[in-house]
Protein backbone atom coordinates (compact mmCIF):
# COMPACT_ATOMS: atom_id res chain seq x y z
CA UNK A 1 22.78 -1.16 -3.64
CA UNK A 2 25.02 1.44 -6.54
CA UNK A 3 23.32 4.83 -6.83
CA UNK A 4 24.79 6.91 -9.13
CA UNK A 5 24.99 10.92 -10.03
CA UNK A 6 22.44 11.18 -13.89
CA UNK A 7 22.26 13.78 -15.93
CA UNK A 8 19.39 16.31 -16.48
CA UNK A 9 16.79 15.83 -18.82
CA UNK A 10 14.06 17.77 -20.79
CA UNK A 11 10.45 18.22 -18.99
CA UNK A 12 9.64 16.66 -21.86
CA UNK A 13 11.12 13.45 -21.80
CA UNK A 14 8.92 12.76 -18.63
CA UNK A 15 6.39 9.97 -19.09
CA UNK A 16 3.03 10.81 -18.71
CA UNK A 17 1.62 9.12 -15.08
CA UNK A 18 -0.62 7.49 -17.44
CA UNK A 19 1.59 6.02 -19.58
CA UNK A 20 3.88 4.99 -16.26
CA UNK A 21 0.78 3.79 -14.46
CA UNK A 22 0.46 1.33 -16.81
CA UNK A 23 3.55 0.03 -16.83
CA UNK A 24 4.31 -0.12 -13.59
CA UNK A 25 7.42 1.59 -14.28
CA UNK A 26 8.42 5.60 -14.70
CA UNK A 27 12.26 6.21 -15.84
CA UNK A 28 13.73 3.00 -15.83
CA UNK A 29 17.00 2.84 -13.57
CA UNK A 30 16.11 6.29 -12.05
CA UNK A 31 14.67 7.44 -8.53
CA UNK A 32 15.45 10.61 -7.33
CA UNK A 33 14.29 13.21 -9.28
CA UNK A 34 14.23 17.17 -8.97
CA UNK A 35 10.97 18.31 -9.50
CA UNK A 36 11.16 22.10 -11.68
CA UNK A 37 8.64 23.80 -9.93
CA UNK A 38 4.48 24.52 -9.50
CA UNK A 39 3.24 25.29 -13.13
CA UNK A 40 0.21 25.33 -14.07
CA UNK A 41 -2.13 25.52 -10.96
CA UNK A 42 -6.13 25.69 -10.63
CA UNK A 43 -8.27 25.38 -8.09
CA UNK A 44 -10.57 22.50 -9.06
CA UNK A 45 -11.77 21.42 -5.55
CA UNK A 46 -13.82 22.72 -2.50
CA UNK A 47 -12.91 25.70 0.18
CA UNK A 48 -10.57 24.75 1.71
CA UNK A 49 -9.05 21.93 0.16
CA UNK A 50 -5.06 22.23 -1.65
CA UNK A 51 -4.97 23.77 -5.89
CA UNK A 52 -5.11 20.66 -7.92
CA UNK A 53 -1.06 22.15 -9.12
CA UNK A 54 0.63 19.22 -11.13
CA UNK A 55 4.66 19.19 -10.78
CA UNK A 56 7.39 19.48 -12.95
CA UNK A 57 9.90 17.49 -13.63
CA UNK A 58 13.42 19.31 -14.53
CA UNK A 59 17.22 16.92 -14.19
CA UNK A 60 17.60 14.29 -11.73
CA UNK A 61 18.42 14.40 -8.79
CA UNK A 62 21.25 11.89 -7.29
CA UNK A 63 20.84 9.35 -5.93
CA UNK A 64 19.23 6.32 -8.22
CA UNK A 65 17.62 3.51 -7.75
CA UNK A 66 15.50 0.72 -10.34
CA UNK A 67 12.38 -0.57 -9.14
CA UNK A 68 9.34 -0.38 -10.41
CA UNK A 69 6.70 2.68 -9.16
CA UNK A 70 3.47 1.22 -7.35
CA UNK A 71 0.35 1.99 -9.29
CA UNK A 72 -1.25 4.89 -8.61
CA UNK A 73 -4.32 3.62 -7.83
CA UNK A 74 -2.52 1.16 -4.57
CA UNK A 75 -0.98 3.75 -3.27
CA UNK A 76 -3.67 6.17 -2.13
CA UNK A 77 -6.09 3.58 -1.77
CA UNK A 78 -4.21 1.73 0.69
CA UNK A 79 -2.87 4.10 2.80
CA UNK A 80 -1.99 4.03 6.94
CA UNK A 81 -3.64 7.41 9.10
CA UNK A 82 -4.56 6.17 12.51
CA UNK A 83 -5.80 10.22 12.22
CA UNK A 84 -8.46 8.96 10.27
CA UNK A 85 -8.90 5.03 10.84
CA UNK A 86 -7.24 2.09 11.55
CA UNK A 87 -9.01 0.24 8.67
CA UNK A 88 -6.13 0.71 4.93
CA UNK A 89 -8.44 1.42 2.86
CA UNK A 90 -10.91 3.16 4.79
CA UNK A 91 -8.41 6.42 4.76
CA UNK A 92 -9.50 7.82 1.82
CA UNK A 93 -13.04 8.32 2.03
CA UNK A 94 -13.62 9.75 5.30
CA UNK A 95 -9.74 11.69 4.49
CA UNK A 96 -12.55 13.91 2.02
CA UNK A 97 -13.53 15.64 5.07
CA UNK A 98 -9.62 17.18 5.83
CA UNK A 99 -8.86 21.38 5.11
CA UNK A 100 -5.80 21.90 4.25
CA UNK A 101 -6.33 24.97 3.04
CA UNK A 102 -5.19 27.76 6.02
CA UNK A 103 -2.42 25.24 6.95
CA UNK A 104 0.76 26.83 8.62
CA UNK A 105 4.18 24.76 10.42
CA UNK A 106 4.51 26.73 13.40
CA UNK A 107 8.84 26.44 13.32
CA UNK A 108 10.41 26.77 17.90
CA UNK A 109 12.08 25.49 20.58
CA UNK A 110 15.78 26.05 19.59
CA UNK A 111 16.21 27.86 16.97
CA UNK A 112 17.63 31.34 15.98
CA UNK A 113 14.54 31.88 13.53
CA UNK A 114 11.53 30.41 14.95
CA UNK A 115 8.47 31.52 12.58
CA UNK A 116 5.04 30.29 11.18
CA UNK A 117 5.00 29.66 7.95
CA UNK A 118 2.10 30.02 5.95
CA UNK A 119 1.89 25.86 3.48
CA UNK A 120 2.78 28.81 0.50
CA UNK A 121 5.31 30.02 1.67
CA UNK A 122 6.50 26.26 2.28
CA UNK A 123 6.21 25.25 -1.25
CA UNK A 124 7.64 27.63 -2.68
CA UNK A 125 10.51 28.50 -0.74
CA UNK A 126 13.56 26.55 -2.24
CA UNK A 127 14.62 27.82 -5.79
CA UNK A 128 14.21 25.11 -8.06
CA UNK A 129 15.49 22.21 -4.97
CA UNK A 130 12.15 19.96 -5.11
CA UNK A 131 12.76 16.67 -5.08
CA UNK A 132 11.41 13.04 -6.54
CA UNK A 133 11.83 9.50 -4.69
CA UNK A 134 12.08 6.39 -5.85
CA UNK A 135 10.58 5.51 -1.84
CA UNK A 136 10.30 1.47 -0.32
CA UNK A 137 8.13 2.35 2.55
CA UNK A 138 8.73 -0.43 4.14
CA UNK A 139 5.87 -2.01 7.40
CA UNK A 140 4.31 -5.53 7.05
CA UNK A 141 3.95 -4.32 3.06
CA UNK A 142 5.98 -2.51 1.55
CA UNK A 143 5.64 0.69 -1.81
CA UNK A 144 7.35 2.02 -4.62
CA UNK A 145 7.03 6.30 -5.15
CA UNK A 146 7.65 9.57 -6.17
CA UNK A 147 7.50 11.66 -3.83
CA UNK A 148 7.75 15.84 -4.14
CA UNK A 149 9.25 18.53 -1.47
CA UNK A 150 12.31 19.73 -1.04
CA UNK A 151 15.04 18.39 1.14
CA UNK A 152 14.92 18.83 4.70
CA UNK A 153 18.00 20.15 5.72
CA UNK A 154 17.86 22.52 4.15
CA UNK A 155 14.92 23.56 5.58
CA UNK A 156 16.21 22.77 9.35
CA UNK A 157 19.39 25.56 8.28
CA UNK A 158 16.84 28.11 7.37
CA UNK A 159 15.58 27.74 10.94
CA UNK A 160 18.99 27.75 12.59
CA UNK A 161 18.78 24.68 15.34
CA UNK A 162 21.65 26.29 18.16
CA UNK A 163 24.00 24.89 19.38
CA UNK A 164 21.49 22.75 21.86
CA UNK A 165 19.63 21.47 19.84
CA UNK A 166 19.83 17.54 18.70
CA UNK A 167 17.44 16.32 18.09
CA UNK A 168 14.04 17.71 16.18
CA UNK A 169 10.08 16.52 16.69
CA UNK A 170 7.38 17.30 14.52
CA UNK A 171 3.37 16.87 15.63
CA UNK A 172 0.12 15.96 12.78
CA UNK A 173 -2.67 18.54 12.66
CA UNK A 174 -5.11 18.11 16.04
CA UNK A 175 -8.71 18.01 14.96
CA UNK A 176 -10.97 14.94 15.95
CA UNK A 177 -13.63 16.61 14.13
CA UNK A 178 -12.18 16.96 10.90
CA UNK A 179 -9.92 13.11 11.79
CA UNK A 180 -12.92 10.53 13.72
CA UNK A 181 -10.28 8.60 14.03
CA UNK A 182 -8.54 11.11 16.87
CA UNK A 183 -11.75 10.34 18.84
CA UNK A 184 -10.51 7.30 19.71
CA UNK A 185 -8.16 6.19 21.90
CA UNK A 186 -5.45 4.12 18.80
CA UNK A 187 -2.61 6.53 19.94
CA UNK A 188 -2.33 9.39 22.43
CA UNK A 189 -3.17 12.11 19.64
CA UNK A 190 -1.67 14.45 18.36
CA UNK A 191 0.76 12.49 16.31
CA UNK A 192 4.50 13.16 17.39
CA UNK A 193 7.10 11.63 16.00
CA UNK A 194 11.01 12.49 15.83
CA UNK A 195 14.64 12.60 14.13
CA UNK A 196 18.05 13.02 15.42
CA UNK A 197 19.37 16.21 14.03
CA UNK A 198 22.03 14.47 11.59
CA UNK A 199 19.87 11.97 10.69
CA UNK A 200 17.62 15.56 10.04
CA UNK A 201 20.17 16.60 8.45
CA UNK A 202 20.24 14.05 5.87
CA UNK A 203 20.52 14.89 2.07
CA UNK A 204 17.55 11.59 1.32
CA UNK A 205 14.79 12.88 4.32
CA UNK A 206 12.34 15.49 2.49
CA UNK A 207 9.45 17.29 3.03
CA UNK A 208 7.26 16.20 0.62
CA UNK A 209 4.49 17.57 -0.66
CA UNK A 210 3.37 16.00 -3.84
CA UNK A 211 4.02 12.28 -4.95
CA UNK A 212 3.47 10.47 -8.38
CA UNK A 213 2.86 14.42 -10.74
CA UNK A 214 0.44 15.50 -8.34
CA UNK A 215 -0.26 17.44 -5.24
CA UNK A 216 -0.37 15.24 -2.21
CA UNK A 217 -3.49 13.95 -1.35
CA UNK A 218 -5.17 14.38 1.55
CA UNK A 219 -4.81 10.56 2.25
CA UNK A 220 -1.42 10.32 1.95
CA UNK A 221 -0.04 12.76 4.82
CA UNK A 222 -1.54 16.29 2.60
CA UNK A 223 0.25 18.93 3.03
CA UNK A 224 2.85 18.39 4.11
CA UNK A 225 4.76 15.23 5.74
CA UNK A 226 7.95 13.35 5.91
CA UNK A 227 10.13 11.23 3.63
CA UNK A 228 11.85 8.91 5.43
CA UNK A 229 13.33 6.08 2.95
CA UNK A 230 15.17 3.64 5.42
CA UNK A 231 12.39 4.32 8.61
CA UNK A 232 10.17 2.43 8.25
CA UNK A 233 7.50 4.01 7.61
CA UNK A 234 5.24 4.96 10.58
CA UNK A 235 8.29 7.97 11.30
CA UNK A 236 7.24 9.61 7.82
CA UNK A 237 4.80 12.13 9.60
CA UNK A 238 1.60 12.80 7.79
CA UNK A 239 -0.14 16.88 8.22
CA UNK A 240 2.43 18.06 9.84
CA UNK A 241 1.91 21.25 11.63
CA UNK A 242 4.54 22.09 13.94
CA UNK A 243 8.25 21.52 14.26
CA UNK A 244 10.26 21.70 16.98
CA UNK A 245 13.58 22.11 17.91
CA UNK A 246 14.69 20.15 21.15
CA UNK A 247 17.70 19.12 23.44
CA UNK A 248 17.29 15.36 24.10
CA UNK A 249 15.51 12.84 22.59
CA UNK A 250 11.22 13.38 21.61
CA UNK A 251 8.39 10.90 23.05
CA UNK A 252 7.72 9.53 19.71
CA UNK A 253 3.24 7.99 19.88
CA UNK A 254 4.52 4.93 19.27
CA UNK A 255 7.61 5.00 21.21
CA UNK A 256 5.50 5.83 23.96
CA UNK A 257 1.76 3.47 23.88
CA UNK A 258 4.25 0.04 22.38
CA UNK A 259 8.23 0.44 23.43
CA UNK A 260 8.36 -3.19 23.69
CA UNK A 261 7.23 -2.51 19.64
CA UNK A 262 8.60 0.40 18.40
CA UNK A 263 11.65 1.32 18.57
CA UNK A 264 12.67 5.64 17.98
CA UNK A 265 15.19 5.22 15.73
CA UNK A 266 13.24 2.04 13.25
CA UNK A 267 16.03 2.28 11.22
CA UNK A 268 14.82 -0.66 8.66
CA UNK A 269 17.31 -4.38 9.17
CA UNK A 270 15.98 -7.50 8.58
CA UNK A 271 17.91 -8.29 11.31
CA UNK A 272 15.51 -6.72 14.31
CA UNK A 273 12.19 -9.16 13.86
CA UNK A 274 8.81 -6.93 14.79
CA UNK A 275 7.98 -9.19 18.86
CA UNK A 276 5.28 -10.51 16.35
CA UNK A 277 6.23 -10.71 13.30
CA UNK A 278 9.98 -11.43 11.07
CA UNK A 279 10.79 -8.21 9.37
CA UNK A 280 13.72 -10.09 7.22
CA UNK A 281 11.01 -10.23 4.14
CA UNK A 282 8.19 -7.46 3.20
CA UNK A 283 4.80 -8.10 0.48
CA UNK A 284 5.62 -5.37 -1.84
CA UNK A 285 1.82 -4.24 -2.46
CA UNK A 286 1.08 -4.65 -6.35
CA UNK A 287 3.07 -8.26 -6.24
CA UNK A 288 2.41 -12.26 -5.39
CA UNK A 289 4.77 -13.69 -3.08
CA UNK A 290 7.76 -11.68 -0.34
CA UNK A 291 10.95 -10.28 -0.63
CA UNK A 292 14.04 -10.15 1.67
CA UNK A 293 14.16 -7.10 2.46
CA UNK A 294 16.92 -5.29 2.63
CA UNK A 295 19.16 -3.53 5.74
CA UNK A 296 17.99 0.60 5.39
CA UNK A 297 15.88 -0.25 3.43
CA UNK A 298 18.26 -0.59 0.55
CA UNK A 299 20.45 2.54 1.48
CA UNK A 300 22.37 1.54 3.94
CA UNK A 301 25.76 2.60 1.59
CA UNK A 302 23.73 6.37 2.15
CA UNK A 303 22.77 6.25 5.95
CA UNK A 304 24.46 3.21 8.01
CA UNK A 305 27.17 5.85 8.95
CA UNK A 306 25.50 7.57 11.08
CA UNK A 307 24.26 4.15 12.96
CA UNK A 308 28.34 3.49 13.01
CA UNK A 309 29.67 1.49 16.43
CA UNK A 310 25.71 1.74 17.70
CA UNK A 311 24.12 -1.88 19.19
CA UNK A 312 20.79 -1.97 16.18
CA UNK A 313 19.23 -4.47 18.67
CA UNK A 314 19.30 -2.37 20.99
CA UNK A 315 18.68 1.10 19.25
CA UNK A 316 15.89 -0.61 17.30
């Protein structure tokens, strides 16, 4: 898929959310945008909720795809978040219990600068580098969502990993009172995911703090989640509270639970089937029928070099 660099646009030229939801299109031909920062903050929720901030969009980024965006109602009403429920339609209601303020992210392990970050410090850390991606999230179903956040690579550079750090491990909040799904044995809690350091440094890897033009809803992983667009959705861990730099490959939750089904790499690959279903096609939410799954989720030209020479059927 051809991706190109596009010139900047003014915030006033960006389509209003109501328009692009009704049209299922948001600036046709553009899939990656750089956000200008946070504007118009007003606190509308109950204590512990995130401020209902709007995120202004300033200019387009270097990556673009031509895709219709998933309607906002579907993207926020049909979600995987086992910490609350295994039912995708149940998460929205159950996740209302999640308090996203205050929130702390702990940086640990093989780094020169271990630190505990407040969520507001993280959101405002980068000088107008927040990005929006149209991301084709692929599991047994898929969506295209404009995410807003900051580059994971930029954050990692601030942490200053030591020369021994080869992997990055991420951990979700563990709080069974707020997250009723953690009272079950669906997984070994808390949820853990990981990336090779070079994967985490790829410019497409994003720490999302918002989607469409708003802060992240609870059901979509508030207040911090990963977006790794060339991998299956379970790699994009939600509600992150810890980032740890390690020398050895982390044991991610799904790999630990079902290693024969979920490998550490989880690259979107139509040529490697899940043991219980084919990965050759996907069901796009909001569409009838199925469509062909693209290698590396359409980002082969951008991310494929990370796995040069690897046996992708063995390292799935």
